[in-house]
C-alpha atoms as a PDB file:
ATOM      1  CA  UNK A   1       0.023  -0.022  -0.091  1.00  0.00           C
ATOM      2  CA  UNK A   2       1.264   3.789  -0.824  1.00  0.00           C
ATOM      3  CA  UNK A   3       1.930   6.058   1.639  1.00  0.00           C
ATOM      4  CA  UNK A   4       0.440   9.448   2.098  1.00  0.00           C
ATOM      5  CA  UNK A   5       2.456  12.440   3.595  1.00  0.00           C
ATOM      6  CA  UNK A   6       0.360  15.549   4.452  1.00  0.00           C
ATOM      7  CA  UNK A   7      -0.197  17.861   7.025  1.00  0.00           C
ATOM      8  CA  UNK A   8      -3.752  17.782   8.625  1.00  0.00           C
ATOM      9  CA  UNK A   9      -4.786  20.788  10.979  1.00  0.00           C
ATOM     10  CA  UNK A  10      -1.374  21.829  11.809  1.00  0.00           C
ATOM     11  CA  UNK A  11      -0.104  18.146  12.187  1.00  0.00           C
ATOM     12  CA  UNK A  12       2.331  16.095   9.947  1.00  0.00           C
ATOM     13  CA  UNK A  13       0.780  12.607   9.013  1.00  0.00           C
ATOM     14  CA  UNK A  14       2.310   9.460   7.233  1.00  0.00           C
ATOM     15  CA  UNK A  15      -0.768   7.324   6.267  1.00  0.00           C
ATOM     16  CA  UNK A  16      -0.698   3.944   4.488  1.00  0.00           C
ATOM     17  CA  UNK A  17      -3.773   3.588   2.228  1.00  0.00           C
ATOM     18  CA  UNK A  18      -4.759   2.369  -0.926  1.00  0.00           C
ATOM     19  CA  UNK A  19      -3.816   4.545  -3.819  1.00  0.00           C
ATOM     20  CA  UNK A  20      -7.400   5.144  -5.343  1.00  0.00           C
ATOM     21  CA  UNK A  21      -8.696   6.571  -1.985  1.00  0.00           C
ATOM     22  CA  UNK A  22     -10.547  10.075  -1.692  1.00  0.00           C
ATOM     23  CA  UNK A  23      -9.235  12.565   0.348  1.00  0.00           C
ATOM     24  CA  UNK A  24     -12.643  12.561   2.075  1.00  0.00           C
ATOM     25  CA  UNK A  25     -12.032   8.514   2.927  1.00  0.00           C
ATOM     26  CA  UNK A  26      -8.525   8.814   4.122  1.00  0.00           C
ATOM     27  CA  UNK A  27      -9.682  11.921   6.523  1.00  0.00           C
ATOM     28  CA  UNK A  28     -12.638   9.942   7.943  1.00  0.00           C
ATOM     29  CA  UNK A  29     -11.750   6.395   7.585  1.00  0.00           C
ATOM     30  CA  UNK A  30      -7.488   6.783   8.366  1.00  0.00           C
ATOM     31  CA  UNK A  31      -7.197   9.701  10.533  1.00  0.00           C
ATOM     32  CA  UNK A  32     -10.671   9.476  12.438  1.00  0.00           C
ATOM     33  CA  UNK A  33     -11.596  13.209  11.205  1.00  0.00           C
ATOM     34  CA  UNK A  34     -15.244  12.623  10.947  1.00  0.00           C
ATOM     35  CA  UNK A  35     -16.577  16.198  10.905  1.00  0.00           C
ATOM     36  CA  UNK A  36     -16.193  16.052   6.973  1.00  0.00           C
ATOM     37  CA  UNK A  37     -19.190  14.392   5.799  1.00  0.00           C
ATOM     38  CA  UNK A  38     -20.169  12.604   2.578  1.00  0.00           C
ATOM     39  CA  UNK A  39     -23.208  13.802   1.512  1.00  0.00           C
ATOM     40  CA  UNK A  40     -23.721  13.001  -2.531  1.00  0.00           C
ATOM     41  CA  UNK A  41     -20.268  11.574  -3.011  1.00  0.00           C
ATOM     42  CA  UNK A  42     -20.760  13.766  -6.424  1.00  0.00           C
ATOM     43  CA  UNK A  43     -19.086  16.879  -5.567  1.00  0.00           C
ATOM     44  CA  UNK A  44     -22.315  18.660  -5.611  1.00  0.00           C
ATOM     45  CA  UNK A  45     -23.352  19.115  -1.907  1.00  0.00           C
ATOM     46  CA  UNK A  46     -20.664  20.460  -0.381  1.00  0.00           C
ATOM     47  CA  UNK A  47     -21.057  18.535   2.997  1.00  0.00           C
ATOM     48  CA  UNK A  48     -17.156  17.229   2.215  1.00  0.00           C
ATOM     49  CA  UNK A  49     -15.740  20.568   1.921  1.00  0.00           C
ATOM     50  CA  UNK A  50     -12.227  21.296   3.418  1.00  0.00           C
ATOM     51  CA  UNK A  51      -9.463  23.849   2.608  1.00  0.00           C
ATOM     52  CA  UNK A  52      -6.782  22.411   0.612  1.00  0.00           C
ATOM     53  CA  UNK A  53      -3.683  24.481   0.835  1.00  0.00           C
ATOM     54  CA  UNK A  54      -6.418  27.322   1.636  1.00  0.00           C
ATOM     55  CA  UNK A  55      -8.732  26.551  -1.363  1.00  0.00           C
ATOM     56  CA  UNK A  56     -12.322  24.977  -0.660  1.00  0.00           C
ATOM     57  CA  UNK A  57     -12.634  21.776  -2.359  1.00  0.00           C
ATOM     58  CA  UNK A  58     -14.833  19.127  -1.922  1.00  0.00           C
ATOM     59  CA  UNK A  59     -12.828  16.209  -0.693  1.00  0.00           C
ATOM     60  CA  UNK A  60     -14.780  13.483  -2.069  1.00  0.00           C
ATOM     61  CA  UNK A  61     -13.649  14.158  -5.409  1.00  0.00           C
ATOM     62  CA  UNK A  62      -9.843  14.771  -4.590  1.00  0.00           C
ATOM     63  CA  UNK A  63      -7.741  11.730  -5.013  1.00  0.00           C
ATOM     64  CA  UNK A  64      -6.002  11.171  -1.705  1.00  0.00           C
ATOM     65  CA  UNK A  65      -2.681  11.597  -3.859  1.00  0.00           C
ATOM     66  CA  UNK A  66      -3.376  15.456  -4.780  1.00  0.00           C
ATOM     67  CA  UNK A  67      -3.264  15.930  -1.079  1.00  0.00           C
ATOM     68  CA  UNK A  68       0.305  14.682  -0.911  1.00  0.00           C
ATOM     69  CA  UNK A  69       2.759  17.027   0.922  1.00  0.00           C
ATOM     70  CA  UNK A  70      -0.169  19.767   0.932  1.00  0.00           C
ATOM     71  CA  UNK A  71      -2.293  21.328   3.898  1.00  0.00           C
ATOM     72  CA  UNK A  72      -5.702  20.408   4.806  1.00  0.00           C
ATOM     73  CA  UNK A  73      -7.821  22.008   7.216  1.00  0.00           C
ATOM     74  CA  UNK A  74     -11.050  20.467   8.495  1.00  0.00           C
ATOM     75  CA  UNK A  75     -13.655  21.823  10.895  1.00  0.00           C
ATOM     76  CA  UNK A  76     -11.765  19.747  13.556  1.00  0.00           C
ATOM     77  CA  UNK A  77      -8.493  22.187  13.128  1.00  0.00           C
ATOM     78  CA  UNK A  78     -10.157  25.225  12.926  1.00  0.00           C
ATOM     79  CA  UNK A  79     -11.105  26.032  16.538  1.00  0.00           C
ATOM     80  CA  UNK A  80      -7.787  27.475  18.619  1.00  0.00           C
ATOM     81  CA  UNK A  81      -5.414  24.690  20.305  1.00  0.00           C
ATOM     82  CA  UNK A  82      -6.806  26.140  23.530  1.00  0.00           C
ATOM     83  CA  UNK A  83     -10.703  25.101  22.226  1.00  0.00           C
ATOM     84  CA  UNK A  84     -11.748  28.629  21.791  1.00  0.00           C
ATOM     85  CA  UNK A  85     -14.159  28.244  18.665  1.00  0.00           C
ATOM     86  CA  UNK A  86     -13.269  30.310  15.586  1.00  0.00           C
ATOM     87  CA  UNK A  87     -15.590  33.406  14.930  1.00  0.00           C
ATOM     88  CA  UNK A  88     -17.327  31.569  12.173  1.00  0.00           C
ATOM     89  CA  UNK A  89     -18.278  28.897  14.428  1.00  0.00           C
ATOM     90  CA  UNK A  90     -19.425  31.404  17.341  1.00  0.00           C
ATOM     91  CA  UNK A  91     -21.627  33.082  14.697  1.00  0.00           C
ATOM     92  CA  UNK A  92     -22.876  30.233  13.475  1.00  0.00           C
ATOM     93  CA  UNK A  93     -24.161  29.416  16.766  1.00  0.00           C
ATOM     94  CA  UNK A  94     -25.184  33.062  17.894  1.00  0.00           C
ATOM     95  CA  UNK A  95     -27.170  33.197  14.672  1.00  0.00           C
ATOM     96  CA  UNK A  96     -29.125  30.140  14.818  1.00  0.00           C
ATOM     97  CA  UNK A  97     -27.495  29.023  11.396  1.00  0.00           C
ATOM     98  CA  UNK A  98     -27.115  25.132  12.722  1.00  0.00           C
ATOM     99  CA  UNK A  99     -29.643  23.075  12.511  1.00  0.00           C
ATOM    100  CA  UNK A 100     -28.832  19.158  12.193  1.00  0.00           C
ATOM    101  CA  UNK A 101     -25.180  20.010  11.632  1.00  0.00           C
ATOM    102  CA  UNK A 102     -24.676  17.761   8.944  1.00  0.00           C
ATOM    103  CA  UNK A 103     -23.530  20.096   6.346  1.00  0.00           C
ATOM    104  CA  UNK A 104     -22.486  22.912   8.993  1.00  0.00           C
ATOM    105  CA  UNK A 105     -18.720  21.810   8.561  1.00  0.00           C
ATOM    106  CA  UNK A 106     -18.632  22.230   4.691  1.00  0.00           C
ATOM    107  CA  UNK A 107     -20.448  25.765   4.978  1.00  0.00           C
ATOM    108  CA  UNK A 108     -18.124  26.714   7.822  1.00  0.00           C
ATOM    109  CA  UNK A 109     -14.779  25.947   5.724  1.00  0.00           C
ATOM    110  CA  UNK A 110     -16.341  27.515   2.340  1.00  0.00           C
ATOM    111  CA  UNK A 111     -17.344  30.601   4.465  1.00  0.00           C
ATOM    112  CA  UNK A 112     -13.544  30.450   5.910  1.00  0.00           C
ATOM    113  CA  UNK A 113     -12.100  30.320   2.435  1.00  0.00           C
ATOM    114  CA  UNK A 114     -14.016  33.267   1.461  1.00  0.00           C
ATOM    115  CA  UNK A 115     -12.906  35.383   4.453  1.00  0.00           C
ATOM    116  CA  UNK A 116      -9.296  34.518   4.014  1.00  0.00           C
ATOM    117  CA  UNK A 117      -9.472  35.939   0.671  1.00  0.00           C
ATOM    118  CA  UNK A 118     -12.042  38.731   0.920  1.00  0.00           C
ATOM    119  CA  UNK A 119     -12.544  39.960   4.928  1.00  0.00           C
ATOM    120  CA  UNK A 120     -15.246  42.058   4.094  1.00  0.00           C
ATOM    121  CA  UNK A 121     -17.379  40.264   1.468  1.00  0.00           C
ATOM    122  CA  UNK A 122     -20.929  41.622   0.558  1.00  0.00           C
ATOM    123  CA  UNK A 123     -24.028  39.713   0.860  1.00  0.00           C
ATOM    124  CA  UNK A 124     -23.843  38.748  -3.031  1.00  0.00           C
ATOM    125  CA  UNK A 125     -20.084  37.506  -2.623  1.00  0.00           C
ATOM    126  CA  UNK A 126     -21.039  35.384   0.343  1.00  0.00           C
ATOM    127  CA  UNK A 127     -24.168  33.951  -1.547  1.00  0.00           C
ATOM    128  CA  UNK A 128     -21.687  33.087  -4.264  1.00  0.00           C
ATOM    129  CA  UNK A 129     -18.896  31.512  -1.981  1.00  0.00           C
ATOM    130  CA  UNK A 130     -21.499  29.265  -0.099  1.00  0.00           C
ATOM    131  CA  UNK A 131     -23.409  28.378  -3.520  1.00  0.00           C
ATOM    132  CA  UNK A 132     -21.536  24.963  -3.833  1.00  0.00           C
ATOM    133  CA  UNK A 133     -22.860  24.074  -0.391  1.00  0.00           C
ATOM    134  CA  UNK A 134     -26.654  22.692  -0.267  1.00  0.00           C
ATOM    135  CA  UNK A 135     -28.305  23.261   3.015  1.00  0.00           C
ATOM    136  CA  UNK A 136     -31.618  21.415   3.433  1.00  0.00           C
ATOM    137  CA  UNK A 137     -32.829  21.941   7.189  1.00  0.00           C
ATOM    138  CA  UNK A 138     -33.774  25.736   6.448  1.00  0.00           C
ATOM    139  CA  UNK A 139     -32.736  28.739   4.702  1.00  0.00           C
ATOM    140  CA  UNK A 140     -30.013  30.508   4.105  1.00  0.00           C
ATOM    141  CA  UNK A 141     -30.765  33.842   5.458  1.00  0.00           C
ATOM    142  CA  UNK A 142     -29.093  32.770   9.150  1.00  0.00           C
ATOM    143  CA  UNK A 143     -26.201  31.207   7.622  1.00  0.00           C
ATOM    144  CA  UNK A 144     -25.518  34.596   5.422  1.00  0.00           C
ATOM    145  CA  UNK A 145     -25.852  36.837   8.552  1.00  0.00           C
ATOM    146  CA  UNK A 146     -23.384  34.420  10.319  1.00  0.00           C
ATOM    147  CA  UNK A 147     -20.576  34.895   7.696  1.00  0.00           C
ATOM    148  CA  UNK A 148     -21.245  38.676   8.172  1.00  0.00           C
ATOM    149  CA  UNK A 149     -21.374  38.474  11.859  1.00  0.00           C
ATOM    150  CA  UNK A 150     -18.040  36.949  11.547  1.00  0.00           C
ATOM    151  CA  UNK A 151     -16.598  39.087   9.320  1.00  0.00           C
ATOM    152  CA  UNK A 152     -17.427  42.283  11.425  1.00  0.00           C
ATOM    153  CA  UNK A 153     -16.222  40.468  14.308  1.00  0.00           C
ATOM    154  CA  UNK A 154     -12.911  39.638  12.648  1.00  0.00           C
ATOM    155  CA  UNK A 155     -12.383  42.961  11.392  1.00  0.00           C
ATOM    156  CA  UNK A 156     -13.174  44.473  14.279  1.00  0.00           C
ATOM    157  CA  UNK A 157     -10.411  42.287  16.203  1.00  0.00           C
ATOM    158  CA  UNK A 158      -7.829  42.979  13.355  1.00  0.00           C
ATOM    159  CA  UNK A 159      -8.265  38.915  12.824  1.00  0.00           C
ATOM    160  CA  UNK A 160      -7.256  38.031   9.280  1.00  0.00           C
ATOM    161  CA  UNK A 161      -8.113  34.202   9.471  1.00  0.00           C
END
């Protein structure tokens, strides 16, 4: 079996896994990071979104080999080492943007990719950045409000990520 070397949530890993495995499978089955969810398995729902070298990607479509030497961020790595939630996580909670929670990790990571590249996005930019993430429990209004709130909190704190 081939080995994959990658950095996930700031930690280096060397993983022995089948050559044809996806990044999603590697994260969930080999590293035990189950916050990344498999929804459709076709890259259409966004539940499996992670950041790969800072870019939001559907991990169900990414061969694990493509992540070789890359840096991956999952929802488990978003909070600070002391457990303090990221402003996006806090905003999703306070704005009531979390329902069942299945799609929430992918939604939050898509929003993080947006705020990392554009700290003060407009409402339409937020909608576009989240357009690859399906949310089935309720509407998107609270999610958009949460991203706007997180952007404002981060800007006020001078925080860039």
